[in-house]
Structures are given as structure tokens and as C-alpha cells.
């Protein structure tokens, strides 16, 4: 019997938020994009407009959903939200900066930094459970589109899980790859799982208007209106 055709997966991290800049753990708190993040969402939408997307799936947290709305508007597709694409639940760590976590929970911070697969902050997910959730969700969505191209718009932690699954990297291995905001990451999905095609494409963000000498965020506002409404947004049934 012939194997089903591969699914092309474009995995995109949401645009920048103020909490990204502050190195503050967002987890599953619902933080919006900042002006630069909205600009990035517009740019990634332009980059994906000719990709021939057959479906767009997004985390239901607004920083991902705002990014997805721009992509959907650019290619004329609807959005399906799926809570399985949410960022890792960080429990007690959420709302705190990296330094605050180190000072308030020093022992837990060490386990977190060492990527202990079985560690989870109080009220949060363990790394092992989070990875299992992300890969099960992404696999389920990819399986529904053999031979097609889909976008998964989610979070840095989700991108990390996809990279590790595709590159066969252990959960506790140090990270040596980028997880940039609004980067485009390309994978294939088959019955054997995910394979890596290309990672951290940010060419669509390399333009003169990103000059750091610009006057604060105002330069981003000019090219970043509020994310346009998609034709429709619906929630995946699991």
C-alpha cells in the first residue's frame, strides 16, 4: 500500500509582545502583541500569501490569534483555533521575569534551566507533558491534510517541541536553535512523524524600517494597523 502524501507544515511563532521584551514568562496568560509584533504579523502574512495554504490553525491565546488573523486575511483562509497549540502552562512562574524566578524559586529555577523533563512549576505543566501535548496536537492536525500545506501559528515553546521532534533532539538537550518572533519554520509530516526542512526564516523581516535608530516603536505603527478580522474563526473539536 502507498503511504499518504506528506503534509507541508509552516510553523510560525507569534509576533513580539512587551513581555517578550521584558523576558517575562507569559505561559498561558493572554498577552497581546505590541506595535512591533503587529508589524511582524503583517510582514509574515505577506511572506505566506503565495504559499498556497490549505488551512490555518492557531493557539487561542490572543498573541497567536492576532498573528493568525493577519495571515488569514492575506491568503483568504479561515482560522481554526486549538487549545492544544497553547504555550506551556508555567503556573507560579507566569507573570515573572527570569531574574525574579531565580530569586524567588532558586531550586525550581535550576531544574527549569536544566530542562528537567519531569519538572513543572507549581500549577504548571511538566516539560514532558507539554511536549507530548504539542506533538500530539500538531500530528493530529497534519494528519488531516495529507498532500496539503498548513500553517500552525503558536508560541516559542511549541516551536521548540516541533524542532526537537523533527530533528530527533532529546528534551533535556541544550537549545542551539533560534525561536524568533514571526519566524517561518518549515517541516514535513508523514506517518514516520515530523522532519525538518528549514528553520527560522526571517528574511521577510529584514527591511529598512527595522532600523534600530528609528524613533522608538512609532516606525512600526506606520506599517502595522490593528490585525484585520479573518473571514471566520472557529475552535477545533477534539
C-alpha atoms as a PDB file:
ATOM      1  CA  UNK A   1       0.000   0.000   0.000  1.00  0.00           C
ATOM      2  CA  UNK A   2       1.145   3.536  -0.739  1.00  0.00           C
ATOM      3  CA  UNK A   3       1.844   5.839   2.177  1.00  0.00           C
ATOM      4  CA  UNK A   4      -0.265   9.012   2.378  1.00  0.00           C
ATOM      5  CA  UNK A   5       1.346  12.081   0.879  1.00  0.00           C
ATOM      6  CA  UNK A   6       3.369  14.289   3.181  1.00  0.00           C
ATOM      7  CA  UNK A   7       1.823  17.362   4.765  1.00  0.00           C
ATOM      8  CA  UNK A   8       3.817  20.588   4.462  1.00  0.00           C
ATOM      9  CA  UNK A   9       3.761  22.374   7.807  1.00  0.00           C
ATOM     10  CA  UNK A  10       4.677  26.033   8.227  1.00  0.00           C
ATOM     11  CA  UNK A  11       5.137  26.615  11.948  1.00  0.00           C
ATOM     12  CA  UNK A  12       5.133  30.278  12.947  1.00  0.00           C
ATOM     13  CA  UNK A  13       5.760  31.842  16.311  1.00  0.00           C
ATOM     14  CA  UNK A  14       3.557  34.831  17.142  1.00  0.00           C
ATOM     15  CA  UNK A  15       4.840  38.399  16.815  1.00  0.00           C
ATOM     16  CA  UNK A  16       6.577  40.226  19.626  1.00  0.00           C
ATOM     17  CA  UNK A  17       4.870  41.250  22.875  1.00  0.00           C
ATOM     18  CA  UNK A  18       6.009  43.656  25.571  1.00  0.00           C
ATOM     19  CA  UNK A  19       6.523  40.680  27.857  1.00  0.00           C
ATOM     20  CA  UNK A  20       8.921  39.118  25.330  1.00  0.00           C
ATOM     21  CA  UNK A  21      10.980  42.303  25.562  1.00  0.00           C
ATOM     22  CA  UNK A  22      10.883  42.232  29.374  1.00  0.00           C
ATOM     23  CA  UNK A  23      11.819  38.494  29.496  1.00  0.00           C
ATOM     24  CA  UNK A  24       8.624  37.962  31.470  1.00  0.00           C
ATOM     25  CA  UNK A  25       7.054  34.488  31.386  1.00  0.00           C
ATOM     26  CA  UNK A  26       3.729  34.627  29.559  1.00  0.00           C
ATOM     27  CA  UNK A  27       2.784  30.972  29.619  1.00  0.00           C
ATOM     28  CA  UNK A  28      -0.966  30.790  29.160  1.00  0.00           C
ATOM     29  CA  UNK A  29      -1.647  34.376  30.234  1.00  0.00           C
ATOM     30  CA  UNK A  30      -3.367  36.218  27.396  1.00  0.00           C
ATOM     31  CA  UNK A  31      -0.886  38.932  26.390  1.00  0.00           C
ATOM     32  CA  UNK A  32      -1.437  40.976  23.185  1.00  0.00           C
ATOM     33  CA  UNK A  33       1.105  41.847  20.516  1.00  0.00           C
ATOM     34  CA  UNK A  34       2.956  45.136  20.835  1.00  0.00           C
ATOM     35  CA  UNK A  35       3.299  47.549  17.875  1.00  0.00           C
ATOM     36  CA  UNK A  36       6.405  45.787  16.607  1.00  0.00           C
ATOM     37  CA  UNK A  37       4.635  42.450  16.932  1.00  0.00           C
ATOM     38  CA  UNK A  38       1.719  43.677  14.843  1.00  0.00           C
ATOM     39  CA  UNK A  39       4.190  44.907  12.233  1.00  0.00           C
ATOM     40  CA  UNK A  40       5.849  41.482  12.233  1.00  0.00           C
ATOM     41  CA  UNK A  41       2.468  39.796  11.810  1.00  0.00           C
ATOM     42  CA  UNK A  42       1.800  41.922   8.738  1.00  0.00           C
ATOM     43  CA  UNK A  43       5.180  41.003   7.288  1.00  0.00           C
ATOM     44  CA  UNK A  44       4.782  37.268   7.863  1.00  0.00           C
ATOM     45  CA  UNK A  45       1.324  37.484   6.274  1.00  0.00           C
ATOM     46  CA  UNK A  46       2.848  38.954   3.123  1.00  0.00           C
ATOM     47  CA  UNK A  47       5.517  36.254   3.087  1.00  0.00           C
ATOM     48  CA  UNK A  48       2.906  33.479   3.308  1.00  0.00           C
ATOM     49  CA  UNK A  49       0.392  34.951   0.871  1.00  0.00           C
ATOM     50  CA  UNK A  50       1.790  32.904  -2.042  1.00  0.00           C
ATOM     51  CA  UNK A  51       2.406  29.667  -0.119  1.00  0.00           C
ATOM     52  CA  UNK A  52      -0.950  28.155  -1.096  1.00  0.00           C
ATOM     53  CA  UNK A  53      -2.106  27.477   2.450  1.00  0.00           C
ATOM     54  CA  UNK A  54      -4.942  24.964   2.688  1.00  0.00           C
ATOM     55  CA  UNK A  55      -5.639  25.543   6.381  1.00  0.00           C
ATOM     56  CA  UNK A  56      -4.598  27.830   9.234  1.00  0.00           C
ATOM     57  CA  UNK A  57      -4.534  26.592  12.816  1.00  0.00           C
ATOM     58  CA  UNK A  58      -3.678  28.801  15.777  1.00  0.00           C
ATOM     59  CA  UNK A  59      -3.424  28.826  19.517  1.00  0.00           C
ATOM     60  CA  UNK A  60      -6.424  30.566  21.034  1.00  0.00           C
ATOM     61  CA  UNK A  61      -4.215  32.960  23.015  1.00  0.00           C
ATOM     62  CA  UNK A  62      -4.522  36.412  21.522  1.00  0.00           C
ATOM     63  CA  UNK A  63      -0.841  36.971  20.638  1.00  0.00           C
ATOM     64  CA  UNK A  64      -1.016  33.941  18.348  1.00  0.00           C
ATOM     65  CA  UNK A  65      -4.546  34.662  17.187  1.00  0.00           C
ATOM     66  CA  UNK A  66      -3.665  38.264  16.260  1.00  0.00           C
ATOM     67  CA  UNK A  67      -0.789  36.935  14.160  1.00  0.00           C
ATOM     68  CA  UNK A  68      -3.046  34.318  12.578  1.00  0.00           C
ATOM     69  CA  UNK A  69      -5.661  36.917  11.664  1.00  0.00           C
ATOM     70  CA  UNK A  70      -3.101  38.772   9.572  1.00  0.00           C
ATOM     71  CA  UNK A  71      -2.062  35.554   7.817  1.00  0.00           C
ATOM     72  CA  UNK A  72      -5.683  34.567   7.211  1.00  0.00           C
ATOM     73  CA  UNK A  73      -6.521  37.977   5.794  1.00  0.00           C
ATOM     74  CA  UNK A  74      -3.554  37.753   3.418  1.00  0.00           C
ATOM     75  CA  UNK A  75      -4.417  34.354   1.975  1.00  0.00           C
ATOM     76  CA  UNK A  76      -8.221  34.300   2.278  1.00  0.00           C
ATOM     77  CA  UNK A  77      -8.459  31.352   4.658  1.00  0.00           C
ATOM     78  CA  UNK A  78     -10.377  30.923   7.890  1.00  0.00           C
ATOM     79  CA  UNK A  79      -8.702  30.223  11.222  1.00  0.00           C
ATOM     80  CA  UNK A  80      -9.313  27.191  13.395  1.00  0.00           C
ATOM     81  CA  UNK A  81      -8.153  27.668  16.978  1.00  0.00           C
ATOM     82  CA  UNK A  82      -6.901  24.739  19.010  1.00  0.00           C
ATOM     83  CA  UNK A  83      -6.018  24.955  22.704  1.00  0.00           C
ATOM     84  CA  UNK A  84      -3.512  22.158  22.132  1.00  0.00           C
ATOM     85  CA  UNK A  85      -1.282  24.776  20.470  1.00  0.00           C
ATOM     86  CA  UNK A  86      -1.129  26.953  23.592  1.00  0.00           C
ATOM     87  CA  UNK A  87       2.161  27.811  25.243  1.00  0.00           C
ATOM     88  CA  UNK A  88       3.323  25.668  28.142  1.00  0.00           C
ATOM     89  CA  UNK A  89       1.425  26.290  31.357  1.00  0.00           C
ATOM     90  CA  UNK A  90       4.032  27.802  33.681  1.00  0.00           C
ATOM     91  CA  UNK A  91       1.845  28.066  36.775  1.00  0.00           C
ATOM     92  CA  UNK A  92       3.568  30.074  39.516  1.00  0.00           C
ATOM     93  CA  UNK A  93       6.230  31.348  37.093  1.00  0.00           C
ATOM     94  CA  UNK A  94       3.730  33.198  34.900  1.00  0.00           C
ATOM     95  CA  UNK A  95       3.991  36.982  35.092  1.00  0.00           C
ATOM     96  CA  UNK A  96       7.550  36.912  36.465  1.00  0.00           C
ATOM     97  CA  UNK A  97      10.840  37.770  34.774  1.00  0.00           C
ATOM     98  CA  UNK A  98      13.685  35.273  34.526  1.00  0.00           C
ATOM     99  CA  UNK A  99      15.564  37.122  37.285  1.00  0.00           C
ATOM    100  CA  UNK A 100      12.538  37.173  39.588  1.00  0.00           C
ATOM    101  CA  UNK A 101      12.113  33.423  39.144  1.00  0.00           C
ATOM    102  CA  UNK A 102      15.769  32.801  40.006  1.00  0.00           C
ATOM    103  CA  UNK A 103      15.441  34.905  43.148  1.00  0.00           C
ATOM    104  CA  UNK A 104      12.046  33.647  44.338  1.00  0.00           C
ATOM    105  CA  UNK A 105      12.338  29.947  43.433  1.00  0.00           C
ATOM    106  CA  UNK A 106      16.089  29.222  43.168  1.00  0.00           C
ATOM    107  CA  UNK A 107      15.864  25.423  43.336  1.00  0.00           C
ATOM    108  CA  UNK A 108      12.971  25.223  40.905  1.00  0.00           C
ATOM    109  CA  UNK A 109      14.755  27.677  38.624  1.00  0.00           C
ATOM    110  CA  UNK A 110      17.756  25.336  38.407  1.00  0.00           C
ATOM    111  CA  UNK A 111      15.567  22.389  37.415  1.00  0.00           C
ATOM    112  CA  UNK A 112      13.821  24.546  34.820  1.00  0.00           C
ATOM    113  CA  UNK A 113      17.112  25.833  33.370  1.00  0.00           C
ATOM    114  CA  UNK A 114      18.483  22.289  33.203  1.00  0.00           C
ATOM    115  CA  UNK A 115      15.391  21.236  31.242  1.00  0.00           C
ATOM    116  CA  UNK A 116      14.385  18.519  33.682  1.00  0.00           C
ATOM    117  CA  UNK A 117      11.645  16.723  31.686  1.00  0.00           C
ATOM    118  CA  UNK A 118       9.698  15.879  34.830  1.00  0.00           C
ATOM    119  CA  UNK A 119       9.788  19.342  36.382  1.00  0.00           C
ATOM    120  CA  UNK A 120       6.769  21.634  36.306  1.00  0.00           C
ATOM    121  CA  UNK A 121       6.325  24.900  38.244  1.00  0.00           C
ATOM    122  CA  UNK A 122       3.559  24.878  40.828  1.00  0.00           C
ATOM    123  CA  UNK A 123       0.269  24.618  38.964  1.00  0.00           C
ATOM    124  CA  UNK A 124       2.048  24.251  35.621  1.00  0.00           C
ATOM    125  CA  UNK A 125       2.914  21.525  33.119  1.00  0.00           C
ATOM    126  CA  UNK A 126       5.982  19.345  33.177  1.00  0.00           C
ATOM    127  CA  UNK A 127       8.194  19.640  30.122  1.00  0.00           C
ATOM    128  CA  UNK A 128       7.417  16.022  29.235  1.00  0.00           C
ATOM    129  CA  UNK A 129       3.647  16.565  29.356  1.00  0.00           C
ATOM    130  CA  UNK A 130       3.896  19.811  27.409  1.00  0.00           C
ATOM    131  CA  UNK A 131       5.963  18.168  24.661  1.00  0.00           C
ATOM    132  CA  UNK A 132       3.517  15.277  24.422  1.00  0.00           C
ATOM    133  CA  UNK A 133       0.576  17.688  24.119  1.00  0.00           C
ATOM    134  CA  UNK A 134       2.237  19.790  21.418  1.00  0.00           C
ATOM    135  CA  UNK A 135       3.343  16.889  19.240  1.00  0.00           C
ATOM    136  CA  UNK A 136       0.024  15.049  19.590  1.00  0.00           C
ATOM    137  CA  UNK A 137      -1.856  18.199  18.556  1.00  0.00           C
ATOM    138  CA  UNK A 138       0.426  19.069  15.642  1.00  0.00           C
ATOM    139  CA  UNK A 139       0.372  15.462  14.421  1.00  0.00           C
ATOM    140  CA  UNK A 140      -3.417  15.293  14.584  1.00  0.00           C
ATOM    141  CA  UNK A 141      -3.759  18.499  12.575  1.00  0.00           C
ATOM    142  CA  UNK A 142      -1.171  17.450   9.995  1.00  0.00           C
ATOM    143  CA  UNK A 143      -2.786  14.032   9.563  1.00  0.00           C
ATOM    144  CA  UNK A 144      -5.981  15.771   8.464  1.00  0.00           C
ATOM    145  CA  UNK A 145      -4.209  17.345   5.448  1.00  0.00           C
ATOM    146  CA  UNK A 146      -2.143  14.767   3.512  1.00  0.00           C
ATOM    147  CA  UNK A 147      -0.607  16.339   0.427  1.00  0.00           C
ATOM    148  CA  UNK A 148      -1.589  19.837   1.570  1.00  0.00           C
ATOM    149  CA  UNK A 149       0.074  22.831   3.207  1.00  0.00           C
ATOM    150  CA  UNK A 150      -0.980  24.080   6.622  1.00  0.00           C
ATOM    151  CA  UNK A 151       0.133  26.853   8.955  1.00  0.00           C
ATOM    152  CA  UNK A 152       0.442  26.315  12.701  1.00  0.00           C
ATOM    153  CA  UNK A 153       0.670  29.652  14.499  1.00  0.00           C
ATOM    154  CA  UNK A 154       1.678  29.260  18.094  1.00  0.00           C
ATOM    155  CA  UNK A 155       4.394  30.015  20.653  1.00  0.00           C
ATOM    156  CA  UNK A 156       8.109  29.680  21.286  1.00  0.00           C
ATOM    157  CA  UNK A 157       7.729  26.595  23.445  1.00  0.00           C
ATOM    158  CA  UNK A 158       5.612  24.897  20.783  1.00  0.00           C
ATOM    159  CA  UNK A 159       8.238  25.728  18.138  1.00  0.00           C
ATOM    160  CA  UNK A 160      10.907  24.197  20.374  1.00  0.00           C
ATOM    161  CA  UNK A 161       8.904  20.977  20.719  1.00  0.00           C
ATOM    162  CA  UNK A 162       8.426  20.740  16.943  1.00  0.00           C
ATOM    163  CA  UNK A 163      12.131  21.266  16.297  1.00  0.00           C
ATOM    164  CA  UNK A 164      13.107  18.567  18.791  1.00  0.00           C
ATOM    165  CA  UNK A 165      10.594  16.123  17.348  1.00  0.00           C
ATOM    166  CA  UNK A 166      11.717  16.776  13.760  1.00  0.00           C
ATOM    167  CA  UNK A 167      15.461  16.792  14.491  1.00  0.00           C
ATOM    168  CA  UNK A 168      15.245  13.914  16.999  1.00  0.00           C
ATOM    169  CA  UNK A 169      16.746  16.013  19.818  1.00  0.00           C
ATOM    170  CA  UNK A 170      16.218  14.941  23.436  1.00  0.00           C
ATOM    171  CA  UNK A 171      14.029  17.065  25.696  1.00  0.00           C
ATOM    172  CA  UNK A 172      16.857  17.786  28.125  1.00  0.00           C
ATOM    173  CA  UNK A 173      19.412  18.737  25.455  1.00  0.00           C
ATOM    174  CA  UNK A 174      20.507  22.411  25.491  1.00  0.00           C
ATOM    175  CA  UNK A 175      18.880  24.534  22.808  1.00  0.00           C
ATOM    176  CA  UNK A 176      21.144  25.677  19.970  1.00  0.00           C
ATOM    177  CA  UNK A 177      18.486  26.891  17.514  1.00  0.00           C
ATOM    178  CA  UNK A 178      16.573  30.158  17.254  1.00  0.00           C
ATOM    179  CA  UNK A 179      12.906  30.665  18.168  1.00  0.00           C
ATOM    180  CA  UNK A 180      12.437  34.151  16.743  1.00  0.00           C
ATOM    181  CA  UNK A 181       9.152  36.017  16.815  1.00  0.00           C
ATOM    182  CA  UNK A 182       7.322  35.790  13.456  1.00  0.00           C
ATOM    183  CA  UNK A 183       9.916  33.419  12.016  1.00  0.00           C
ATOM    184  CA  UNK A 184       8.785  30.817   9.465  1.00  0.00           C
ATOM    185  CA  UNK A 185       9.795  27.229  10.240  1.00  0.00           C
ATOM    186  CA  UNK A 186       9.244  24.513   7.628  1.00  0.00           C
ATOM    187  CA  UNK A 187       8.569  20.840   8.323  1.00  0.00           C
ATOM    188  CA  UNK A 188       7.108  17.790   6.624  1.00  0.00           C
ATOM    189  CA  UNK A 189       4.781  15.357   8.331  1.00  0.00           C
ATOM    190  CA  UNK A 190       4.398  11.696   7.287  1.00  0.00           C
ATOM    191  CA  UNK A 191       3.450   8.503   9.076  1.00  0.00           C
ATOM    192  CA  UNK A 192       7.020   8.483  10.414  1.00  0.00           C
ATOM    193  CA  UNK A 193       6.481  11.819  12.121  1.00  0.00           C
ATOM    194  CA  UNK A 194       7.977  15.248  11.526  1.00  0.00           C
ATOM    195  CA  UNK A 195      11.134  16.024   9.565  1.00  0.00           C
ATOM    196  CA  UNK A 196      12.933  19.341   9.338  1.00  0.00           C
ATOM    197  CA  UNK A 197      13.044  21.243   6.037  1.00  0.00           C
ATOM    198  CA  UNK A 198      14.087  24.754   7.075  1.00  0.00           C
ATOM    199  CA  UNK A 199      14.224  26.714  10.297  1.00  0.00           C
ATOM    200  CA  UNK A 200      13.996  30.310  11.496  1.00  0.00           C
ATOM    201  CA  UNK A 201      13.441  32.044   8.173  1.00  0.00           C
ATOM    202  CA  UNK A 202      13.235  35.766   8.997  1.00  0.00           C
ATOM    203  CA  UNK A 203      14.053  37.211   5.574  1.00  0.00           C
ATOM    204  CA  UNK A 204      10.629  38.860   5.475  1.00  0.00           C
ATOM    205  CA  UNK A 205      11.651  40.962   8.496  1.00  0.00           C
ATOM    206  CA  UNK A 206      14.943  42.199   7.031  1.00  0.00           C
ATOM    207  CA  UNK A 207      13.855  45.601   5.761  1.00  0.00           C
ATOM    208  CA  UNK A 208      14.987  49.181   6.262  1.00  0.00           C
ATOM    209  CA  UNK A 209      12.069  50.022   8.542  1.00  0.00           C
ATOM    210  CA  UNK A 210      13.566  47.760  11.213  1.00  0.00           C
ATOM    211  CA  UNK A 211      16.474  50.188  11.629  1.00  0.00           C
ATOM    212  CA  UNK A 212      17.110  50.351  15.380  1.00  0.00           C
ATOM    213  CA  UNK A 213      17.856  54.071  15.109  1.00  0.00           C
ATOM    214  CA  UNK A 214      14.190  54.707  14.306  1.00  0.00           C
ATOM    215  CA  UNK A 215      12.194  56.750  16.788  1.00  0.00           C
ATOM    216  CA  UNK A 216      11.036  54.073  19.227  1.00  0.00           C
ATOM    217  CA  UNK A 217       8.065  51.976  18.161  1.00  0.00           C
ATOM    218  CA  UNK A 218       6.488  54.745  16.112  1.00  0.00           C
ATOM    219  CA  UNK A 219       8.146  53.465  12.955  1.00  0.00           C
ATOM    220  CA  UNK A 220       6.391  50.144  13.404  1.00  0.00           C
ATOM    221  CA  UNK A 221       2.977  51.728  13.923  1.00  0.00           C
ATOM    222  CA  UNK A 222       3.031  53.186  10.415  1.00  0.00           C
ATOM    223  CA  UNK A 223       3.192  49.731   8.866  1.00  0.00           C
ATOM    224  CA  UNK A 224       1.176  47.910  11.496  1.00  0.00           C
ATOM    225  CA  UNK A 225      -2.523  48.686  11.708  1.00  0.00           C
ATOM    226  CA  UNK A 226      -4.585  46.553  14.042  1.00  0.00           C
ATOM    227  CA  UNK A 227      -4.801  42.996  12.762  1.00  0.00           C
ATOM    228  CA  UNK A 228      -7.654  42.698  10.249  1.00  0.00           C
ATOM    229  CA  UNK A 229     -10.525  40.388  11.019  1.00  0.00           C
ATOM    230  CA  UNK A 230     -10.342  36.989   9.340  1.00  0.00           C
ATOM    231  CA  UNK A 231     -13.307  35.656   7.431  1.00  0.00           C
ATOM    232  CA  UNK A 232     -14.097  33.487  10.453  1.00  0.00           C
ATOM    233  CA  UNK A 233     -12.512  31.897  13.486  1.00  0.00           C
ATOM    234  CA  UNK A 234     -13.680  28.606  14.883  1.00  0.00           C
ATOM    235  CA  UNK A 235     -12.475  26.210  17.530  1.00  0.00           C
ATOM    236  CA  UNK A 236     -11.218  22.750  16.685  1.00  0.00           C
ATOM    237  CA  UNK A 237     -13.235  19.855  18.057  1.00  0.00           C
ATOM    238  CA  UNK A 238     -11.036  17.225  19.686  1.00  0.00           C
END
